[in-house]
Amino acid sequence: MTSVFLKFCSLSNLSESFFMPGKDPRIDAYIKKSAAFAVPVLEHLRQLVHTVCADAEETMKWSFPHFVYKGEILCSMASFKQHCAFGFWKAPIMKDADILLGNREHGMGSIGKITSLKELPPDKQLTAWIKEAMKLNEAGIKVEKQKPPAKAPAAIPGFFKKALAANKAAEKHFKAFSPSQQREYIDWLTDAKTAATQEKRLAQALEWIAEGKIRNWKYVR
């Protein structure tokens, strides 16, 4: 009798994600590991999505939580050291596209950098956006991929050019990268706030490039 009781207690302590359809325990872990300020924001967004879209399924893509509906991504959320993000996959074709896309200038996602519950739009507005995104998925409407305008090749800073010349493997791979892939490394290096940070990034860049890895190789699936 005692063993049965202990087994029941053990099961009752398991995350509800194992018993609730659509929930992914990896997202429980993601939220738990997030900064303290981010936890209530992520929990609120997660609950709201499931309240509005009962059939939403959770998954992890590109290392952060996504919500899938009718086989397509509905929206996603993420946490960083100092802010959170929440965005709609089909924001470009939603009625408030100008607002949702405009906020991306201030951080990943559709509603800018979020540091507290107070900075979230009202639930009424979020609900309306979620419902609109649901209808787009139900109708099977896709977001047309638009090719970005071609950019002129980025100028390689002197310090980077010198470092590449001293590392033949890195130099060979870097020359084989597309202009956009080269620019990602150049922007990363030149955006460094301090000389120490730039030096650290340069060492990391040379290591990755010598292995033929693009700047964001970790997120390529």
N, C-alpha and C. Protein backbone atom coordinates (compact mmCIF):
# COMPACT_ATOMS: atom_id res chain seq x y z
N MET A 1 0.84 -1.21 0.00
CA MET A 1 0.00 0.00 0.00
C MET A 1 0.87 1.26 0.00
N THR A 2 1.94 1.20 0.80
CA THR A 2 2.85 2.35 0.88
C THR A 2 3.51 2.62 -0.46
N SER A 3 3.94 1.55 -1.15
CA SER A 3 4.61 1.72 -2.45
C SER A 3 3.67 2.33 -3.48
N VAL A 4 2.40 1.96 -3.43
CA VAL A 4 1.41 2.52 -4.36
C VAL A 4 1.24 4.01 -4.10
N PHE A 5 1.18 4.38 -2.81
CA PHE A 5 1.01 5.78 -2.44
C PHE A 5 2.21 6.61 -2.90
N LEU A 6 3.42 6.06 -2.69
CA LEU A 6 4.64 6.79 -3.10
C LEU A 6 4.68 6.97 -4.61
N LYS A 7 4.24 5.94 -5.32
CA LYS A 7 4.24 6.04 -6.79
C LYS A 7 3.27 7.12 -7.24
N PHE A 8 2.12 7.22 -6.57
CA PHE A 8 1.14 8.24 -6.91
C PHE A 8 1.71 9.63 -6.66
N CYS A 9 2.38 9.80 -5.53
CA CYS A 9 2.97 11.10 -5.19
C CYS A 9 4.02 11.49 -6.21
N SER A 10 4.81 10.50 -6.64
CA SER A 10 5.85 10.77 -7.62
C SER A 10 5.24 11.25 -8.93
N LEU A 11 4.18 10.58 -9.37
CA LEU A 11 3.52 10.98 -10.62
C LEU A 11 2.89 12.35 -10.50
N SER A 12 2.35 12.68 -9.35
CA SER A 12 1.68 13.97 -9.18
C SER A 12 2.64 15.12 -9.23
N ASN A 13 3.93 14.85 -9.03
CA ASN A 13 4.91 15.93 -9.07
C ASN A 13 5.47 16.17 -10.45
N LEU A 14 5.13 15.31 -11.40
CA LEU A 14 5.62 15.51 -12.76
C LEU A 14 5.01 16.75 -13.38
N SER A 15 5.74 17.35 -14.32
CA SER A 15 5.23 18.55 -14.99
C SER A 15 3.93 18.26 -15.69
N GLU A 16 3.02 19.21 -15.62
CA GLU A 16 1.72 19.04 -16.29
C GLU A 16 1.88 18.92 -17.79
N SER A 17 3.06 19.31 -18.31
CA SER A 17 3.28 19.23 -19.75
C SER A 17 3.20 17.81 -20.26
N PHE A 18 3.47 16.80 -19.40
CA PHE A 18 3.43 15.44 -19.84
C PHE A 18 1.99 14.94 -19.97
N PHE A 19 1.05 15.66 -19.38
CA PHE A 19 -0.33 15.21 -19.36
C PHE A 19 -1.26 16.09 -20.20
N MET A 20 -0.80 17.25 -20.58
CA MET A 20 -1.65 18.18 -21.32
C MET A 20 -1.29 18.16 -22.80
N PRO A 21 -2.24 17.88 -23.67
CA PRO A 21 -1.99 17.87 -25.11
C PRO A 21 -1.43 19.21 -25.58
N GLY A 22 -0.48 19.16 -26.48
CA GLY A 22 0.06 20.38 -27.04
C GLY A 22 1.22 20.98 -26.26
N LYS A 23 1.47 20.51 -25.04
CA LYS A 23 2.54 21.06 -24.23
C LYS A 23 3.83 20.27 -24.45
N ASP A 24 4.96 20.98 -24.45
CA ASP A 24 6.27 20.37 -24.66
C ASP A 24 7.11 20.60 -23.41
N PRO A 25 7.56 19.55 -22.73
CA PRO A 25 8.34 19.73 -21.51
C PRO A 25 9.64 20.49 -21.72
N ARG A 26 10.13 20.54 -22.96
CA ARG A 26 11.35 21.30 -23.23
C ARG A 26 11.12 22.80 -23.02
N ILE A 27 9.87 23.22 -23.20
CA ILE A 27 9.56 24.63 -22.99
C ILE A 27 9.47 24.94 -21.50
N ASP A 28 9.03 23.97 -20.71
CA ASP A 28 9.07 24.14 -19.25
C ASP A 28 10.51 24.41 -18.83
N ALA A 29 11.43 23.61 -19.37
CA ALA A 29 12.84 23.74 -19.02
C ALA A 29 13.40 25.08 -19.51
N TYR A 30 12.97 25.49 -20.71
CA TYR A 30 13.44 26.76 -21.28
C TYR A 30 13.03 27.92 -20.39
N ILE A 31 11.78 27.93 -19.97
CA ILE A 31 11.27 29.01 -19.12
C ILE A 31 11.99 29.00 -17.77
N LYS A 32 12.18 27.81 -17.22
CA LYS A 32 12.82 27.70 -15.91
C LYS A 32 14.24 28.25 -15.93
N LYS A 33 14.94 28.09 -17.06
CA LYS A 33 16.32 28.55 -17.17
C LYS A 33 16.42 30.03 -17.54
N SER A 34 15.30 30.65 -17.88
CA SER A 34 15.31 32.06 -18.29
C SER A 34 15.54 32.97 -17.08
N ALA A 35 15.91 34.21 -17.37
CA ALA A 35 16.13 35.19 -16.30
C ALA A 35 14.83 35.41 -15.52
N ALA A 36 14.96 35.80 -14.26
CA ALA A 36 13.79 35.94 -13.38
C ALA A 36 12.73 36.86 -13.97
N PHE A 37 13.14 37.98 -14.58
CA PHE A 37 12.17 38.93 -15.14
C PHE A 37 11.38 38.32 -16.29
N ALA A 38 12.01 37.35 -16.99
CA ALA A 38 11.41 36.78 -18.19
C ALA A 38 10.37 35.71 -17.90
N VAL A 39 10.50 35.03 -16.76
CA VAL A 39 9.62 33.90 -16.44
C VAL A 39 8.14 34.26 -16.49
N PRO A 40 7.68 35.31 -15.77
CA PRO A 40 6.25 35.63 -15.83
C PRO A 40 5.78 36.06 -17.21
N VAL A 41 6.66 36.70 -17.97
CA VAL A 41 6.31 37.13 -19.33
C VAL A 41 6.08 35.91 -20.22
N LEU A 42 7.02 34.98 -20.19
CA LEU A 42 6.91 33.79 -21.02
C LEU A 42 5.72 32.93 -20.60
N GLU A 43 5.52 32.78 -19.30
CA GLU A 43 4.38 31.99 -18.81
C GLU A 43 3.05 32.61 -19.24
N HIS A 44 2.98 33.94 -19.19
CA HIS A 44 1.74 34.62 -19.59
C HIS A 44 1.48 34.43 -21.08
N LEU A 45 2.49 34.62 -21.90
CA LEU A 45 2.33 34.47 -23.34
C LEU A 45 1.96 33.04 -23.70
N ARG A 46 2.61 32.10 -23.05
CA ARG A 46 2.32 30.69 -23.32
C ARG A 46 0.87 30.36 -22.98
N GLN A 47 0.41 30.80 -21.82
CA GLN A 47 -0.96 30.51 -21.40
C GLN A 47 -1.97 31.20 -22.33
N LEU A 48 -1.65 32.42 -22.73
CA LEU A 48 -2.57 33.16 -23.60
C LEU A 48 -2.73 32.46 -24.95
N VAL A 49 -1.61 32.00 -25.52
CA VAL A 49 -1.68 31.31 -26.81
C VAL A 49 -2.57 30.07 -26.70
N HIS A 50 -2.42 29.29 -25.63
CA HIS A 50 -3.23 28.09 -25.48
C HIS A 50 -4.69 28.40 -25.15
N THR A 51 -4.91 29.52 -24.50
CA THR A 51 -6.28 29.92 -24.19
C THR A 51 -7.02 30.31 -25.48
N VAL A 52 -6.33 31.04 -26.33
CA VAL A 52 -6.94 31.49 -27.58
C VAL A 52 -6.98 30.37 -28.62
N CYS A 53 -5.91 29.60 -28.67
CA CYS A 53 -5.80 28.52 -29.66
C CYS A 53 -5.59 27.20 -28.93
N ALA A 54 -6.70 26.55 -28.58
CA ALA A 54 -6.64 25.31 -27.80
C ALA A 54 -5.90 24.19 -28.51
N ASP A 55 -5.85 24.24 -29.84
CA ASP A 55 -5.19 23.18 -30.61
C ASP A 55 -3.73 23.49 -30.94
N ALA A 56 -3.20 24.55 -30.37
CA ALA A 56 -1.79 24.90 -30.63
C ALA A 56 -0.87 23.83 -30.06
N GLU A 57 0.13 23.46 -30.83
CA GLU A 57 1.13 22.49 -30.39
C GLU A 57 2.45 23.22 -30.15
N GLU A 58 3.14 22.81 -29.11
CA GLU A 58 4.42 23.44 -28.79
C GLU A 58 5.59 22.64 -29.37
N THR A 59 6.65 23.34 -29.72
CA THR A 59 7.87 22.69 -30.17
C THR A 59 9.04 23.65 -30.00
N MET A 60 10.24 23.14 -30.14
CA MET A 60 11.43 23.98 -30.09
C MET A 60 12.04 24.02 -31.49
N LYS A 61 12.23 25.21 -32.02
CA LYS A 61 12.89 25.41 -33.31
C LYS A 61 13.93 26.51 -33.13
N TRP A 62 15.09 26.29 -33.71
CA TRP A 62 16.18 27.27 -33.60
C TRP A 62 16.46 27.61 -32.12
N SER A 63 16.26 26.63 -31.27
CA SER A 63 16.59 26.72 -29.83
C SER A 63 15.66 27.62 -29.02
N PHE A 64 14.50 27.98 -29.55
CA PHE A 64 13.54 28.73 -28.72
C PHE A 64 12.12 28.26 -29.03
N PRO A 65 11.17 28.52 -28.11
CA PRO A 65 9.81 27.98 -28.22
C PRO A 65 8.98 28.52 -29.39
N HIS A 66 8.28 27.60 -30.04
CA HIS A 66 7.36 27.95 -31.12
C HIS A 66 6.01 27.28 -30.87
N PHE A 67 4.96 27.89 -31.40
CA PHE A 67 3.62 27.33 -31.31
C PHE A 67 3.15 27.04 -32.73
N VAL A 68 2.72 25.80 -32.95
CA VAL A 68 2.32 25.36 -34.29
C VAL A 68 0.82 25.10 -34.32
N TYR A 69 0.18 25.53 -35.40
CA TYR A 69 -1.27 25.33 -35.56
C TYR A 69 -1.55 24.97 -37.01
N LYS A 70 -2.30 23.90 -37.21
CA LYS A 70 -2.62 23.41 -38.55
C LYS A 70 -1.37 23.11 -39.36
N GLY A 71 -0.35 22.60 -38.67
CA GLY A 71 0.87 22.19 -39.36
C GLY A 71 1.83 23.31 -39.71
N GLU A 72 1.51 24.55 -39.31
CA GLU A 72 2.38 25.68 -39.61
C GLU A 72 2.67 26.47 -38.34
N ILE A 73 3.80 27.16 -38.34
CA ILE A 73 4.15 27.98 -37.18
C ILE A 73 3.14 29.11 -37.04
N LEU A 74 2.64 29.27 -35.84
CA LEU A 74 1.68 30.33 -35.53
C LEU A 74 2.43 31.55 -34.97
N CYS A 75 3.21 31.30 -33.94
CA CYS A 75 3.98 32.37 -33.31
C CYS A 75 5.11 31.75 -32.50
N SER A 76 5.94 32.59 -31.92
CA SER A 76 7.08 32.10 -31.15
C SER A 76 7.42 33.09 -30.06
N MET A 77 8.21 32.63 -29.10
CA MET A 77 8.67 33.52 -28.04
C MET A 77 10.10 33.13 -27.68
N ALA A 78 10.82 34.08 -27.10
CA ALA A 78 12.21 33.81 -26.74
C ALA A 78 12.62 34.72 -25.59
N SER A 79 13.63 34.29 -24.87
CA SER A 79 14.15 35.13 -23.79
C SER A 79 15.65 35.32 -23.96
N PHE A 80 16.10 36.50 -23.59
CA PHE A 80 17.52 36.83 -23.65
C PHE A 80 17.95 37.34 -22.28
N LYS A 81 19.17 37.79 -22.16
CA LYS A 81 19.67 38.22 -20.86
C LYS A 81 18.89 39.41 -20.30
N GLN A 82 18.45 40.32 -21.19
CA GLN A 82 17.82 41.54 -20.69
C GLN A 82 16.44 41.81 -21.27
N HIS A 83 15.94 40.93 -22.14
CA HIS A 83 14.61 41.15 -22.67
C HIS A 83 14.02 39.85 -23.24
N CYS A 84 12.73 39.90 -23.53
CA CYS A 84 12.02 38.78 -24.17
C CYS A 84 11.52 39.23 -25.53
N ALA A 85 11.11 38.26 -26.33
CA ALA A 85 10.55 38.57 -27.64
C ALA A 85 9.36 37.65 -27.93
N PHE A 86 8.43 38.16 -28.70
CA PHE A 86 7.25 37.38 -29.11
C PHE A 86 6.90 37.82 -30.53
N GLY A 87 6.73 36.85 -31.42
CA GLY A 87 6.47 37.24 -32.80
C GLY A 87 5.56 36.28 -33.54
N PHE A 88 4.97 36.79 -34.61
CA PHE A 88 4.07 36.01 -35.45
C PHE A 88 4.78 35.64 -36.75
N TRP A 89 4.69 34.37 -37.12
CA TRP A 89 5.37 33.86 -38.30
C TRP A 89 4.89 34.56 -39.56
N LYS A 90 3.59 34.89 -39.60
CA LYS A 90 3.03 35.51 -40.81
C LYS A 90 2.75 37.00 -40.62
N ALA A 91 3.55 37.63 -39.76
CA ALA A 91 3.40 39.06 -39.52
C ALA A 91 3.40 39.90 -40.80
N PRO A 92 4.22 39.54 -41.81
CA PRO A 92 4.25 40.36 -43.04
C PRO A 92 2.92 40.47 -43.76
N ILE A 93 2.00 39.51 -43.54
CA ILE A 93 0.72 39.57 -44.26
C ILE A 93 -0.46 39.79 -43.32
N MET A 94 -0.17 40.18 -42.09
CA MET A 94 -1.25 40.47 -41.16
C MET A 94 -1.69 41.93 -41.30
N LYS A 95 -2.89 42.25 -40.84
CA LYS A 95 -3.44 43.59 -41.01
C LYS A 95 -2.56 44.67 -40.40
N ASP A 96 -1.96 44.37 -39.25
CA ASP A 96 -1.09 45.34 -38.59
C ASP A 96 0.38 45.09 -38.91
N ALA A 97 0.64 44.68 -40.14
CA ALA A 97 2.01 44.34 -40.54
C ALA A 97 2.99 45.48 -40.27
N ASP A 98 2.55 46.72 -40.53
CA ASP A 98 3.44 47.86 -40.32
C ASP A 98 3.90 47.95 -38.86
N ILE A 99 2.97 47.68 -37.95
CA ILE A 99 3.30 47.72 -36.53
C ILE A 99 4.16 46.53 -36.14
N LEU A 100 3.73 45.34 -36.55
CA LEU A 100 4.42 44.11 -36.17
C LEU A 100 5.81 44.03 -36.77
N LEU A 101 5.98 44.49 -37.98
CA LEU A 101 7.30 44.46 -38.61
C LEU A 101 8.15 45.63 -38.15
N GLY A 102 7.50 46.77 -37.89
CA GLY A 102 8.24 47.95 -37.44
C GLY A 102 8.93 47.73 -36.12
N ASN A 103 8.31 46.94 -35.24
CA ASN A 103 8.90 46.66 -33.94
C ASN A 103 10.15 45.81 -34.03
N ARG A 104 10.35 45.14 -35.16
CA ARG A 104 11.52 44.29 -35.32
C ARG A 104 12.80 45.12 -35.40
N GLU A 105 12.65 46.42 -35.64
CA GLU A 105 13.83 47.28 -35.64
C GLU A 105 14.39 47.43 -34.23
N HIS A 106 13.56 47.11 -33.24
CA HIS A 106 13.97 47.28 -31.84
C HIS A 106 14.16 45.92 -31.15
N GLY A 107 14.32 44.86 -31.93
CA GLY A 107 14.55 43.54 -31.35
C GLY A 107 13.81 42.47 -32.11
N MET A 108 14.23 41.23 -31.93
CA MET A 108 13.58 40.10 -32.59
C MET A 108 12.12 40.00 -32.16
N GLY A 109 11.26 39.60 -33.07
CA GLY A 109 9.86 39.45 -32.71
C GLY A 109 8.98 40.56 -33.27
N SER A 110 7.71 40.56 -32.85
CA SER A 110 6.74 41.50 -33.41
C SER A 110 6.32 42.61 -32.47
N ILE A 111 6.75 42.55 -31.22
CA ILE A 111 6.32 43.61 -30.28
C ILE A 111 7.49 44.21 -29.52
N GLY A 112 8.66 44.19 -30.14
CA GLY A 112 9.82 44.85 -29.55
C GLY A 112 10.41 44.10 -28.37
N LYS A 113 11.33 44.77 -27.67
CA LYS A 113 11.98 44.15 -26.51
C LYS A 113 11.08 44.26 -25.28
N ILE A 114 10.79 43.12 -24.68
CA ILE A 114 9.88 43.06 -23.54
C ILE A 114 10.68 42.76 -22.27
N THR A 115 10.57 43.61 -21.27
CA THR A 115 11.31 43.38 -20.04
C THR A 115 10.40 43.15 -18.84
N SER A 116 9.08 43.29 -19.04
CA SER A 116 8.13 43.04 -17.95
C SER A 116 6.74 42.84 -18.52
N LEU A 117 5.84 42.32 -17.70
CA LEU A 117 4.46 42.12 -18.14
C LEU A 117 3.80 43.43 -18.56
N LYS A 118 4.20 44.53 -17.90
CA LYS A 118 3.61 45.84 -18.20
C LYS A 118 3.90 46.29 -19.63
N GLU A 119 4.96 45.77 -20.22
CA GLU A 119 5.34 46.19 -21.56
C GLU A 119 4.65 45.39 -22.67
N LEU A 120 3.88 44.37 -22.27
CA LEU A 120 3.13 43.62 -23.26
C LEU A 120 1.91 44.40 -23.72
N PRO A 121 1.50 44.26 -24.96
CA PRO A 121 0.24 44.88 -25.40
C PRO A 121 -0.89 44.27 -24.58
N PRO A 122 -2.04 44.92 -24.51
CA PRO A 122 -3.18 44.36 -23.78
C PRO A 122 -3.54 42.98 -24.31
N ASP A 123 -4.03 42.11 -23.44
CA ASP A 123 -4.41 40.76 -23.86
C ASP A 123 -5.43 40.79 -25.01
N LYS A 124 -6.29 41.81 -25.00
CA LYS A 124 -7.30 41.93 -26.05
C LYS A 124 -6.63 42.08 -27.41
N GLN A 125 -5.55 42.88 -27.47
CA GLN A 125 -4.84 43.08 -28.73
C GLN A 125 -4.08 41.82 -29.13
N LEU A 126 -3.40 41.22 -28.16
CA LEU A 126 -2.67 39.98 -28.45
C LEU A 126 -3.62 38.89 -28.93
N THR A 127 -4.77 38.79 -28.30
CA THR A 127 -5.77 37.80 -28.69
C THR A 127 -6.23 38.00 -30.12
N ALA A 128 -6.46 39.25 -30.49
CA ALA A 128 -6.89 39.56 -31.86
C ALA A 128 -5.82 39.15 -32.86
N TRP A 129 -4.56 39.41 -32.54
CA TRP A 129 -3.47 39.02 -33.45
C TRP A 129 -3.36 37.50 -33.55
N ILE A 130 -3.48 36.82 -32.43
CA ILE A 130 -3.38 35.36 -32.45
C ILE A 130 -4.51 34.76 -33.30
N LYS A 131 -5.71 35.29 -33.14
CA LYS A 131 -6.85 34.80 -33.92
C LYS A 131 -6.65 35.06 -35.41
N GLU A 132 -6.10 36.21 -35.74
CA GLU A 132 -5.85 36.52 -37.16
C GLU A 132 -4.80 35.56 -37.71
N ALA A 133 -3.76 35.30 -36.94
CA ALA A 133 -2.72 34.37 -37.38
C ALA A 133 -3.30 32.96 -37.55
N MET A 134 -4.23 32.59 -36.69
CA MET A 134 -4.90 31.29 -36.80
C MET A 134 -5.65 31.17 -38.11
N LYS A 135 -6.38 32.22 -38.47
CA LYS A 135 -7.18 32.20 -39.70
C LYS A 135 -6.29 32.05 -40.93
N LEU A 136 -5.13 32.69 -40.89
CA LEU A 136 -4.19 32.58 -42.01
C LEU A 136 -3.70 31.14 -42.15
N ASN A 137 -3.43 30.48 -41.03
CA ASN A 137 -3.00 29.09 -41.08
C ASN A 137 -4.13 28.17 -41.53
N GLU A 138 -5.34 28.46 -41.06
CA GLU A 138 -6.50 27.66 -41.46
C GLU A 138 -6.75 27.75 -42.96
N ALA A 139 -6.49 28.93 -43.51
CA ALA A 139 -6.71 29.14 -44.94
C ALA A 139 -5.52 28.66 -45.78
N GLY A 140 -4.44 28.27 -45.10
CA GLY A 140 -3.26 27.79 -45.81
C GLY A 140 -2.53 28.88 -46.57
N ILE A 141 -2.71 30.13 -46.14
CA ILE A 141 -2.06 31.25 -46.83
C ILE A 141 -0.59 31.32 -46.43
N LYS A 142 0.26 31.41 -47.42
CA LYS A 142 1.71 31.41 -47.18
C LYS A 142 2.28 32.82 -47.30
N VAL A 143 3.41 33.00 -46.67
CA VAL A 143 4.14 34.26 -46.80
C VAL A 143 5.09 34.11 -47.97
N GLU A 144 4.94 34.95 -48.96
CA GLU A 144 5.82 34.87 -50.12
C GLU A 144 7.22 35.34 -49.75
N LYS A 145 8.17 34.51 -50.10
CA LYS A 145 9.57 34.88 -49.82
C LYS A 145 10.03 35.92 -50.83
N GLN A 146 10.52 37.01 -50.31
CA GLN A 146 11.02 38.07 -51.18
C GLN A 146 12.54 38.12 -51.10
N LYS A 147 13.14 38.19 -52.25
CA LYS A 147 14.59 38.28 -52.28
C LYS A 147 15.03 39.68 -51.85
N PRO A 148 15.92 39.77 -50.89
CA PRO A 148 16.39 41.08 -50.46
C PRO A 148 17.20 41.74 -51.57
N PRO A 149 17.18 43.04 -51.65
CA PRO A 149 17.96 43.71 -52.69
C PRO A 149 19.44 43.38 -52.54
N ALA A 150 20.09 43.22 -53.66
CA ALA A 150 21.52 42.87 -53.64
C ALA A 150 22.33 44.00 -52.99
N LYS A 151 23.24 43.61 -52.15
CA LYS A 151 24.11 44.58 -51.48
C LYS A 151 25.50 44.54 -52.10
N ALA A 152 26.13 45.67 -52.10
CA ALA A 152 27.49 45.73 -52.60
C ALA A 152 28.39 44.95 -51.65
N PRO A 153 29.43 44.30 -52.17
CA PRO A 153 30.34 43.55 -51.30
C PRO A 153 30.85 44.44 -50.16
N ALA A 154 30.86 43.89 -48.97
CA ALA A 154 31.32 44.66 -47.81
C ALA A 154 32.84 44.84 -47.84
N ALA A 155 33.28 45.99 -47.43
CA ALA A 155 34.72 46.26 -47.37
C ALA A 155 35.30 45.53 -46.15
N ILE A 156 36.37 44.79 -46.36
CA ILE A 156 36.99 44.04 -45.27
C ILE A 156 37.93 44.97 -44.49
N PRO A 157 37.70 45.14 -43.20
CA PRO A 157 38.57 46.00 -42.39
C PRO A 157 40.02 45.51 -42.45
N GLY A 158 40.95 46.42 -42.33
CA GLY A 158 42.37 46.08 -42.42
C GLY A 158 42.81 45.00 -41.44
N PHE A 159 42.37 45.11 -40.20
CA PHE A 159 42.81 44.14 -39.19
C PHE A 159 42.30 42.74 -39.51
N PHE A 160 41.10 42.67 -40.10
CA PHE A 160 40.52 41.38 -40.45
C PHE A 160 41.21 40.81 -41.68
N LYS A 161 41.49 41.66 -42.63
CA LYS A 161 42.17 41.22 -43.85
C LYS A 161 43.56 40.67 -43.52
N LYS A 162 44.24 41.33 -42.59
CA LYS A 162 45.58 40.89 -42.18
C LYS A 162 45.51 39.53 -41.48
N ALA A 163 44.48 39.36 -40.62
CA ALA A 163 44.33 38.11 -39.89
C ALA A 163 44.00 36.96 -40.84
N LEU A 164 43.20 37.23 -41.85
CA LEU A 164 42.85 36.20 -42.82
C LEU A 164 44.08 35.79 -43.64
N ALA A 165 44.89 36.78 -44.00
CA ALA A 165 46.09 36.50 -44.79
C ALA A 165 47.05 35.59 -44.03
N ALA A 166 47.00 35.67 -42.71
CA ALA A 166 47.89 34.85 -41.88
C ALA A 166 47.31 33.47 -41.60
N ASN A 167 46.07 33.25 -42.03
CA ASN A 167 45.41 31.96 -41.81
C ASN A 167 44.84 31.52 -43.16
N LYS A 168 45.62 30.76 -43.90
CA LYS A 168 45.27 30.41 -45.27
C LYS A 168 43.95 29.63 -45.38
N ALA A 169 43.70 28.75 -44.41
CA ALA A 169 42.45 27.98 -44.46
C ALA A 169 41.25 28.90 -44.31
N ALA A 170 41.36 29.83 -43.36
CA ALA A 170 40.27 30.78 -43.15
C ALA A 170 40.10 31.70 -44.36
N GLU A 171 41.22 32.14 -44.92
CA GLU A 171 41.16 33.04 -46.08
C GLU A 171 40.48 32.36 -47.26
N LYS A 172 40.80 31.08 -47.48
CA LYS A 172 40.22 30.33 -48.59
C LYS A 172 38.71 30.20 -48.43
N HIS A 173 38.26 29.82 -47.22
CA HIS A 173 36.83 29.65 -46.99
C HIS A 173 36.10 30.98 -47.04
N PHE A 174 36.71 32.02 -46.49
CA PHE A 174 36.04 33.33 -46.47
C PHE A 174 35.80 33.83 -47.88
N LYS A 175 36.76 33.63 -48.77
CA LYS A 175 36.60 34.06 -50.16
C LYS A 175 35.48 33.28 -50.85
N ALA A 176 35.22 32.06 -50.38
CA ALA A 176 34.18 31.24 -51.00
C ALA A 176 32.79 31.56 -50.45
N PHE A 177 32.73 32.30 -49.33
CA PHE A 177 31.44 32.68 -48.76
C PHE A 177 30.72 33.66 -49.68
N SER A 178 29.40 33.69 -49.59
CA SER A 178 28.62 34.67 -50.35
C SER A 178 28.84 36.04 -49.72
N PRO A 179 28.54 37.13 -50.45
CA PRO A 179 28.71 38.48 -49.89
C PRO A 179 27.96 38.67 -48.57
N SER A 180 26.77 38.09 -48.47
CA SER A 180 25.99 38.25 -47.24
C SER A 180 26.64 37.50 -46.08
N GLN A 181 27.20 36.33 -46.36
CA GLN A 181 27.88 35.56 -45.32
C GLN A 181 29.15 36.28 -44.86
N GLN A 182 29.85 36.90 -45.78
CA GLN A 182 31.04 37.68 -45.42
C GLN A 182 30.64 38.88 -44.57
N ARG A 183 29.56 39.54 -44.97
CA ARG A 183 29.12 40.73 -44.26
C ARG A 183 28.74 40.40 -42.81
N GLU A 184 28.16 39.22 -42.58
CA GLU A 184 27.76 38.84 -41.22
C GLU A 184 28.97 38.82 -40.29
N TYR A 185 30.08 38.29 -40.79
CA TYR A 185 31.30 38.27 -39.98
C TYR A 185 31.87 39.68 -39.80
N ILE A 186 31.89 40.43 -40.87
CA ILE A 186 32.44 41.79 -40.81
C ILE A 186 31.64 42.66 -39.85
N ASP A 187 30.31 42.58 -39.95
CA ASP A 187 29.45 43.37 -39.05
C ASP A 187 29.66 42.96 -37.60
N TRP A 188 29.79 41.66 -37.37
CA TRP A 188 29.99 41.14 -36.01
C TRP A 188 31.27 41.69 -35.41
N LEU A 189 32.31 41.73 -36.21
CA LEU A 189 33.61 42.20 -35.73
C LEU A 189 33.63 43.71 -35.52
N THR A 190 33.08 44.44 -36.47
CA THR A 190 33.13 45.90 -36.38
C THR A 190 32.12 46.47 -35.38
N ASP A 191 31.14 45.67 -34.99
CA ASP A 191 30.16 46.13 -34.00
C ASP A 191 30.65 45.96 -32.57
N ALA A 192 31.79 45.35 -32.39
CA ALA A 192 32.34 45.14 -31.04
C ALA A 192 32.56 46.49 -30.36
N LYS A 193 32.15 46.59 -29.11
CA LYS A 193 32.22 47.85 -28.36
C LYS A 193 33.62 48.15 -27.84
N THR A 194 34.40 47.12 -27.60
CA THR A 194 35.75 47.32 -27.05
C THR A 194 36.77 46.55 -27.86
N ALA A 195 38.03 46.94 -27.72
CA ALA A 195 39.11 46.25 -28.43
C ALA A 195 39.23 44.81 -27.96
N ALA A 196 38.99 44.59 -26.66
CA ALA A 196 39.08 43.25 -26.11
C ALA A 196 38.01 42.34 -26.70
N THR A 197 36.81 42.88 -26.83
CA THR A 197 35.71 42.10 -27.41
C THR A 197 35.99 41.80 -28.88
N GLN A 198 36.51 42.79 -29.59
CA GLN A 198 36.82 42.59 -31.00
C GLN A 198 37.90 41.53 -31.18
N GLU A 199 38.90 41.55 -30.33
CA GLU A 199 39.97 40.56 -30.40
C GLU A 199 39.45 39.16 -30.13
N LYS A 200 38.55 39.05 -29.15
CA LYS A 200 37.96 37.76 -28.81
C LYS A 200 37.11 37.25 -29.97
N ARG A 201 36.32 38.15 -30.57
CA ARG A 201 35.48 37.76 -31.69
C ARG A 201 36.32 37.36 -32.90
N LEU A 202 37.41 38.07 -33.10
CA LEU A 202 38.28 37.77 -34.23
C LEU A 202 38.85 36.36 -34.12
N ALA A 203 39.29 36.00 -32.92
CA ALA A 203 39.85 34.66 -32.70
C ALA A 203 38.79 33.60 -32.98
N GLN A 204 37.56 33.85 -32.50
CA GLN A 204 36.47 32.90 -32.72
C GLN A 204 36.10 32.83 -34.20
N ALA A 205 36.07 33.99 -34.85
CA ALA A 205 35.73 34.04 -36.27
C ALA A 205 36.72 33.23 -37.10
N LEU A 206 38.00 33.41 -36.84
CA LEU A 206 39.03 32.70 -37.60
C LEU A 206 38.89 31.18 -37.41
N GLU A 207 38.58 30.77 -36.20
CA GLU A 207 38.41 29.34 -35.92
C GLU A 207 37.25 28.77 -36.73
N TRP A 208 36.10 29.47 -36.70
CA TRP A 208 34.92 29.01 -37.42
C TRP A 208 35.14 29.03 -38.94
N ILE A 209 35.68 30.14 -39.43
CA ILE A 209 35.87 30.29 -40.87
C ILE A 209 36.83 29.22 -41.40
N ALA A 210 37.90 28.93 -40.64
CA ALA A 210 38.86 27.91 -41.06
C ALA A 210 38.19 26.54 -41.19
N GLU A 211 37.08 26.35 -40.48
CA GLU A 211 36.33 25.09 -40.55
C GLU A 211 35.21 25.17 -41.58
N GLY A 212 35.14 26.32 -42.28
CA GLY A 212 34.12 26.48 -43.32
C GLY A 212 32.75 26.84 -42.78
N LYS A 213 32.69 27.33 -41.55
CA LYS A 213 31.41 27.64 -40.91
C LYS A 213 31.02 29.10 -41.12
N ILE A 214 29.76 29.34 -41.47
CA ILE A 214 29.27 30.70 -41.60
C ILE A 214 29.04 31.25 -40.19
N ARG A 215 28.80 32.54 -40.09
CA ARG A 215 28.66 33.20 -38.78
C ARG A 215 27.58 32.55 -37.91
N ASN A 216 26.42 32.28 -38.47
CA ASN A 216 25.30 31.71 -37.69
C ASN A 216 25.12 30.23 -37.97
N TRP A 217 26.22 29.50 -38.07
CA TRP A 217 26.17 28.08 -38.40
C TRP A 217 25.37 27.26 -37.38
N LYS A 218 25.32 27.72 -36.13
CA LYS A 218 24.61 26.97 -35.08
C LYS A 218 23.12 26.87 -35.35
N TYR A 219 22.57 27.84 -36.12
CA TYR A 219 21.13 27.89 -36.31
C TYR A 219 20.69 27.30 -37.66
N VAL A 220 21.64 26.77 -38.41
CA VAL A 220 21.32 26.18 -39.70
C VAL A 220 20.81 24.77 -39.48
N ARG A 221 19.66 24.46 -40.02
CA ARG A 221 19.06 23.13 -39.87
C ARG A 221 19.00 22.45 -41.22
